[in-house]
Protein backbone atom coordinates (compact mmCIF):
# COMPACT_ATOMS: atom_id res chain seq x y z
CA MET A 1 230.94 -122.89 -162.83
CA ASN A 2 229.91 -122.49 -166.56
CA SER A 3 226.07 -122.22 -167.69
CA PHE A 4 226.09 -125.89 -168.90
CA ALA A 5 227.38 -127.01 -165.97
CA LYS A 6 224.57 -125.41 -163.81
CA THR A 7 221.97 -126.84 -165.94
CA TYR A 8 222.87 -130.14 -165.45
CA ARG A 9 223.60 -129.31 -162.01
CA PHE A 10 219.51 -128.63 -161.38
CA SER A 11 218.07 -130.91 -164.07
CA ARG A 12 219.67 -133.70 -161.54
CA VAL A 13 218.44 -132.27 -158.95
CA PHE A 14 214.82 -131.53 -159.58
CA ALA A 15 214.41 -133.86 -161.88
CA PRO A 16 213.28 -136.68 -159.28
CA ILE A 17 210.89 -134.37 -158.31
CA SER A 18 209.02 -133.64 -161.03
CA THR A 19 208.73 -137.49 -162.29
CA VAL A 20 207.24 -138.18 -158.41
CA LEU A 21 204.52 -134.96 -158.85
CA LEU A 22 203.42 -136.19 -162.59
CA ALA A 23 202.97 -139.93 -161.16
CA SER A 24 201.30 -138.66 -158.06
CA ALA A 25 198.73 -136.04 -160.58
CA ALA A 26 198.42 -139.79 -161.83
CA THR A 27 197.17 -141.73 -159.03
CA PHE A 28 194.94 -138.60 -157.89
CA ALA A 29 192.92 -138.46 -161.23
CA TRP A 30 189.35 -137.65 -160.72
CA VAL A 31 186.96 -140.79 -159.86
CA ASP A 32 183.16 -140.81 -158.81
CA GLU A 33 182.56 -141.08 -155.30
CA TRP A 34 181.24 -143.78 -153.57
CA LYS A 35 178.14 -142.97 -151.59
CA SER A 36 176.22 -145.39 -149.41
CA GLY A 37 173.06 -144.07 -150.34
CA ILE A 38 171.80 -144.65 -146.63
CA GLU A 39 169.69 -141.68 -145.44
CA TRP A 40 170.57 -141.14 -142.10
CA PRO A 41 168.87 -139.05 -139.49
CA THR A 42 170.80 -136.25 -137.89
CA PRO A 43 172.28 -137.05 -134.05
CA PRO A 44 170.32 -135.69 -131.48
CA ILE A 45 172.53 -132.62 -129.61
CA VAL A 46 173.38 -133.62 -125.97
CA ASP A 47 175.27 -131.22 -123.48
CA ALA A 48 178.00 -132.87 -122.13
CA GLY A 49 177.77 -131.36 -118.93
CA SER A 50 180.81 -129.42 -117.11
CA GLN A 51 183.82 -131.20 -116.01
CA GLY A 52 182.88 -134.18 -113.70
CA GLY A 53 178.83 -132.78 -114.30
CA ALA A 54 176.25 -135.56 -115.86
CA PRO A 55 175.09 -135.05 -119.15
CA ALA A 56 172.06 -132.70 -120.47
CA ASP A 57 170.36 -136.38 -121.07
CA ALA A 58 171.65 -138.50 -118.29
CA ILE A 59 168.94 -139.68 -115.19
CA VAL A 60 170.85 -138.18 -112.15
CA LEU A 61 170.31 -140.44 -109.10
CA PHE A 62 172.49 -138.65 -106.66
CA ASP A 63 174.02 -135.40 -107.14
CA GLY A 64 175.64 -135.40 -103.32
CA THR A 65 172.34 -134.45 -101.16
CA ASN A 66 170.08 -137.25 -100.54
CA LEU A 67 169.67 -140.73 -101.70
CA SER A 68 165.96 -140.18 -102.03
CA GLU A 69 165.90 -142.28 -105.74
CA PHE A 70 167.28 -145.47 -103.84
CA GLU A 71 165.57 -147.78 -101.74
CA GLY A 72 167.41 -148.49 -98.21
CA GLY A 73 169.51 -145.29 -99.17
CA ASP A 74 167.94 -143.49 -95.90
CA GLN A 75 170.68 -145.82 -93.78
CA TRP A 76 174.15 -144.06 -95.94
CA GLU A 77 175.18 -140.63 -94.00
CA ILE A 78 175.37 -138.51 -96.91
CA LYS A 79 177.95 -135.60 -95.38
CA ASP A 80 180.24 -133.06 -98.08
CA GLY A 81 178.51 -133.82 -101.29
CA TYR A 82 179.18 -138.47 -101.13
CA ALA A 83 177.06 -140.95 -98.94
CA VAL A 84 179.54 -143.22 -97.17
CA ALA A 85 177.96 -146.88 -97.32
CA ARG A 86 176.78 -148.49 -94.03
CA ASN A 87 174.02 -150.80 -92.47
CA ASN A 88 172.71 -152.38 -95.47
CA GLY A 89 173.03 -151.96 -99.69
CA ILE A 90 170.74 -150.04 -101.54
CA ARG A 91 169.11 -150.52 -104.53
CA SER A 92 167.47 -147.92 -107.00
CA LYS A 93 164.07 -147.48 -107.33
CA GLN A 94 164.33 -147.57 -111.29
CA SER A 95 164.82 -150.14 -113.55
CA PHE A 96 167.02 -150.25 -116.20
CA GLY A 97 168.51 -152.42 -119.05
CA ASP A 98 171.03 -151.16 -122.15
CA CYS A 99 172.20 -147.96 -120.37
CA GLN A 100 175.97 -145.78 -119.58
CA LEU A 101 176.04 -146.22 -115.54
CA HIS A 102 178.64 -143.58 -114.43
CA LEU A 103 179.65 -143.39 -110.48
CA GLU A 104 182.97 -142.62 -108.58
CA PHE A 105 183.59 -144.03 -105.23
CA ALA A 106 186.57 -143.91 -102.69
CA THR A 107 187.80 -146.69 -100.51
CA PRO A 108 188.26 -145.86 -96.64
CA GLU A 109 191.53 -143.90 -96.51
CA LYS A 110 192.66 -145.85 -92.87
CA VAL A 111 193.42 -148.96 -94.64
CA GLU A 112 191.71 -151.44 -92.53
CA GLY A 113 191.86 -155.60 -93.06
CA GLN A 114 193.37 -157.42 -96.20
CA GLY A 115 192.01 -158.91 -99.41
CA GLN A 116 188.52 -159.20 -99.72
CA GLY A 117 187.84 -157.52 -96.20
CA ARG A 118 189.78 -153.89 -97.70
CA GLY A 119 187.55 -151.24 -98.80
CA ASN A 120 185.08 -153.73 -100.36
CA SER A 121 181.37 -153.34 -102.12
CA GLY A 122 179.66 -153.65 -105.77
CA VAL A 123 177.49 -152.74 -108.16
CA TYR A 124 174.93 -154.84 -109.25
CA LEU A 125 173.98 -154.31 -112.79
CA MET A 126 170.61 -155.79 -113.02
CA GLY A 127 170.58 -156.88 -109.20
CA ARG A 128 172.62 -159.82 -110.52
CA TYR A 129 175.77 -159.21 -112.22
CA GLU A 130 178.25 -157.31 -110.00
CA LEU A 131 181.28 -155.49 -111.45
CA GLN A 132 183.41 -155.74 -107.75
CA ILE A 133 184.79 -152.81 -105.54
CA LEU A 134 187.50 -153.10 -103.99
CA ASP A 135 190.66 -151.21 -102.86
CA SER A 136 192.77 -153.35 -104.82
CA TYR A 137 195.59 -151.03 -104.29
CA GLU A 138 198.92 -152.93 -103.42
CA ASN A 139 196.44 -155.67 -101.77
CA GLU A 140 196.13 -158.82 -102.91
CA THR A 141 193.22 -161.17 -103.24
CA TYR A 142 191.82 -163.58 -105.71
CA VAL A 143 192.50 -161.97 -108.90
CA ASP A 144 188.35 -162.26 -110.57
CA GLY A 145 187.42 -160.90 -106.96
CA GLN A 146 189.81 -157.38 -107.48
CA CYS A 147 189.02 -153.94 -108.02
CA GLY A 148 187.35 -154.06 -111.55
CA SER A 149 186.31 -157.94 -111.80
CA ILE A 150 183.08 -159.02 -113.13
CA TYR A 151 183.50 -160.84 -110.01
CA LYS A 152 184.61 -164.59 -110.17
CA GLN A 153 184.31 -164.87 -114.34
CA GLN A 154 186.90 -162.28 -115.71
CA PRO A 155 189.60 -160.01 -113.95
CA PRO A 156 190.09 -156.91 -115.27
CA MET A 157 192.55 -155.98 -118.29
CA VAL A 158 194.62 -153.96 -115.68
CA ASN A 159 194.57 -152.69 -112.22
CA ALA A 160 193.64 -149.40 -112.54
CA SER A 161 193.21 -148.70 -109.05
CA ARG A 162 194.18 -145.26 -106.64
CA LYS A 163 195.02 -145.02 -103.34
CA PRO A 164 192.61 -145.63 -100.70
CA GLY A 165 191.08 -142.68 -99.71
CA GLU A 166 191.34 -141.28 -103.51
CA TRP A 167 188.21 -140.63 -105.49
CA GLN A 168 187.92 -143.33 -108.60
CA SER A 169 185.33 -143.66 -110.94
CA TYR A 170 183.58 -146.53 -112.62
CA ASP A 171 181.83 -145.85 -116.78
CA ILE A 172 180.04 -148.65 -117.20
CA ILE A 173 178.50 -149.38 -120.73
CA PHE A 174 175.74 -152.55 -120.03
CA THR A 175 173.80 -154.50 -122.46
CA ALA A 176 171.11 -156.18 -120.90
CA PRO A 177 170.66 -160.06 -122.01
CA ARG A 178 167.67 -161.41 -124.05
CA PHE A 179 165.59 -164.14 -122.96
CA ASP A 180 163.04 -165.89 -125.76
CA GLU A 181 159.38 -167.12 -125.20
CA GLY A 182 160.05 -170.29 -123.19
CA GLY A 183 162.72 -168.31 -120.40
CA GLY A 184 165.95 -169.58 -122.74
CA LEU A 185 168.89 -167.54 -122.82
CA ALA A 186 168.51 -165.62 -126.73
CA LYS A 187 171.41 -163.24 -126.43
CA PRO A 188 173.90 -162.83 -123.44
CA ALA A 189 174.66 -159.84 -121.79
CA TYR A 190 177.57 -157.26 -122.73
CA VAL A 191 179.76 -155.15 -120.78
CA THR A 192 182.47 -152.47 -121.24
CA VAL A 193 183.84 -151.14 -118.88
CA LEU A 194 186.24 -148.04 -118.07
CA HIS A 195 188.27 -147.30 -114.24
CA ASN A 196 189.24 -144.21 -113.95
CA GLY A 197 189.24 -143.47 -118.19
CA VAL A 198 190.96 -146.98 -118.46
CA VAL A 199 189.45 -149.75 -120.71
CA ILE A 200 189.47 -152.68 -118.01
CA HIS A 201 186.83 -155.06 -119.78
CA ASN A 202 185.87 -154.44 -123.82
CA HIS A 203 182.34 -155.59 -124.60
CA TYR A 204 182.83 -159.02 -122.07
CA GLU A 205 179.99 -161.33 -122.68
CA LEU A 206 179.02 -162.28 -119.42
CA GLN A 207 178.59 -165.53 -118.23
CA GLY A 208 175.40 -165.33 -116.32
CA SER A 209 175.10 -163.51 -112.62
CA THR A 210 177.74 -163.78 -110.46
CA SER A 211 177.71 -165.13 -107.08
CA TYR A 212 179.96 -166.13 -103.87
CA ILE A 213 179.18 -169.73 -104.00
CA GLU A 214 177.59 -170.89 -107.35
CA ALA A 215 178.97 -170.87 -110.95
CA PRO A 216 177.98 -168.28 -113.33
CA LYS A 217 173.87 -168.52 -115.27
CA TYR A 218 171.24 -167.06 -116.65
CA THR A 219 167.84 -166.99 -115.26
CA ARG A 220 165.09 -165.36 -117.46
CA HIS A 221 164.51 -161.88 -115.71
CA ALA A 222 162.95 -158.64 -116.94
CA GLU A 223 164.36 -156.56 -119.19
CA LYS A 224 164.45 -153.69 -117.22
CA GLU A 225 166.28 -154.21 -113.03
CA PRO A 226 167.53 -152.08 -110.48
CA PHE A 227 171.17 -151.91 -109.97
CA SER A 228 172.62 -152.54 -106.50
CA LEU A 229 175.40 -150.66 -104.40
CA GLN A 230 176.34 -153.12 -101.95
CA PHE A 231 177.54 -152.45 -98.13
CA HIS A 232 180.18 -155.34 -97.19
CA GLY A 233 181.05 -153.90 -93.84
CA ASN A 234 183.91 -151.00 -95.57
CA ARG A 235 182.78 -147.12 -95.15
CA VAL A 236 182.76 -147.06 -99.05
CA ARG A 237 182.20 -143.80 -100.36
CA PHE A 238 180.11 -142.70 -103.51
CA ARG A 239 179.21 -139.58 -105.33
CA ASN A 240 178.22 -138.24 -108.93
CA ILE A 241 175.50 -141.54 -110.13
CA TRP A 242 174.38 -141.23 -113.30
CA VAL A 243 172.75 -142.73 -115.89
CA ARG A 244 171.94 -143.45 -119.54
CA GLU A 245 169.48 -144.62 -121.05
CA ASN A 246 169.75 -144.04 -124.80
CA ILE A 247 172.42 -145.91 -125.77
CA HIS A 248 171.81 -147.62 -129.45
CA PRO A 249 173.39 -146.40 -132.69
CA LEU A 250 171.35 -144.86 -135.24
CA VAL A 251 169.26 -146.45 -137.55
CA GLY A 252 168.81 -145.01 -141.50
CA LYS A 253 166.77 -145.31 -144.41
CA GLN A 254 168.23 -147.79 -147.12
CA PRO A 255 168.17 -146.69 -150.31
CA ASP A 256 165.10 -149.03 -151.96
CA ASP A 257 167.37 -150.26 -154.43
CA ALA A 258 170.36 -151.77 -152.03
CA THR A 259 169.66 -154.69 -149.76
CA PRO A 260 170.01 -153.36 -146.21
CA GLY A 261 173.48 -152.92 -144.73
CA GLU A 262 174.91 -153.40 -148.48
CA ALA A 263 176.18 -150.62 -150.89
CA THR A 264 178.43 -150.72 -154.12
CA PRO A 265 180.57 -148.26 -154.79
CA THR A 266 180.87 -146.58 -158.45
CA ASP A 267 184.47 -146.87 -158.52
CA MET A 268 187.16 -146.93 -156.04
CA THR A 269 190.19 -146.93 -158.94
CA ASP A 270 192.94 -144.66 -157.58
CA GLU A 271 190.19 -142.95 -155.09
CA PRO A 272 192.49 -139.86 -153.52
CA ASN A 273 191.52 -138.90 -149.79
CA ASN A 274 189.43 -136.94 -149.08
CA GLU A 275 188.69 -137.13 -145.90
């Protein structure tokens, strides 16, 4: 191949690439960086704890040794680092409002009964908003009463239940309702729930308290209330119960010349991605 042919071939192959590079350089021309102007506090450091353990800022209510943090806890059986439901439900001695609640449970390994009679229990947020616990592994029942449902209000998005006898987890992020001075509802409660790490409720708006015999309704109550674990005749096991209360977003100081929540970029034209 002569020198002219080589030069021609080279120019055909690399000319488009050089054109792209030049175009890219033009696109990523320097512009001013957008800044909100908000002065953010530094997020506090929280030790997340060991795998399966509680975070450093959590209130540990049951670590496998005793249920002294619960009223009625002396009626449950403690063995091998877990508690077995029996005789009555239990209620936390401390009261909680907005919070993150973690607990682990296991329905009886030996399958007895069916529907609502199989591995039945429940978590009653503020003593009145129930997240159902049930053995829902190959066990049919009414959909808004299966494991993970906000009882008789909202079924879980998916059935993430494990086999009977296997340990399962609930991670519950709860925003308590607010009431006005007259006792009316100012803001409803919301809940996000992960069942075994799977989202089954995403910021669900509760319609009110849950009941077997009544439609949901709100009745004014305190800003903080205890939560309860139900005994429904089945020996459901529990372990690793803890609560975090500081779950509110950071609040930054707004710039003096900006409306709160608003900021204007200096120039967003052809801004490069500097993430």
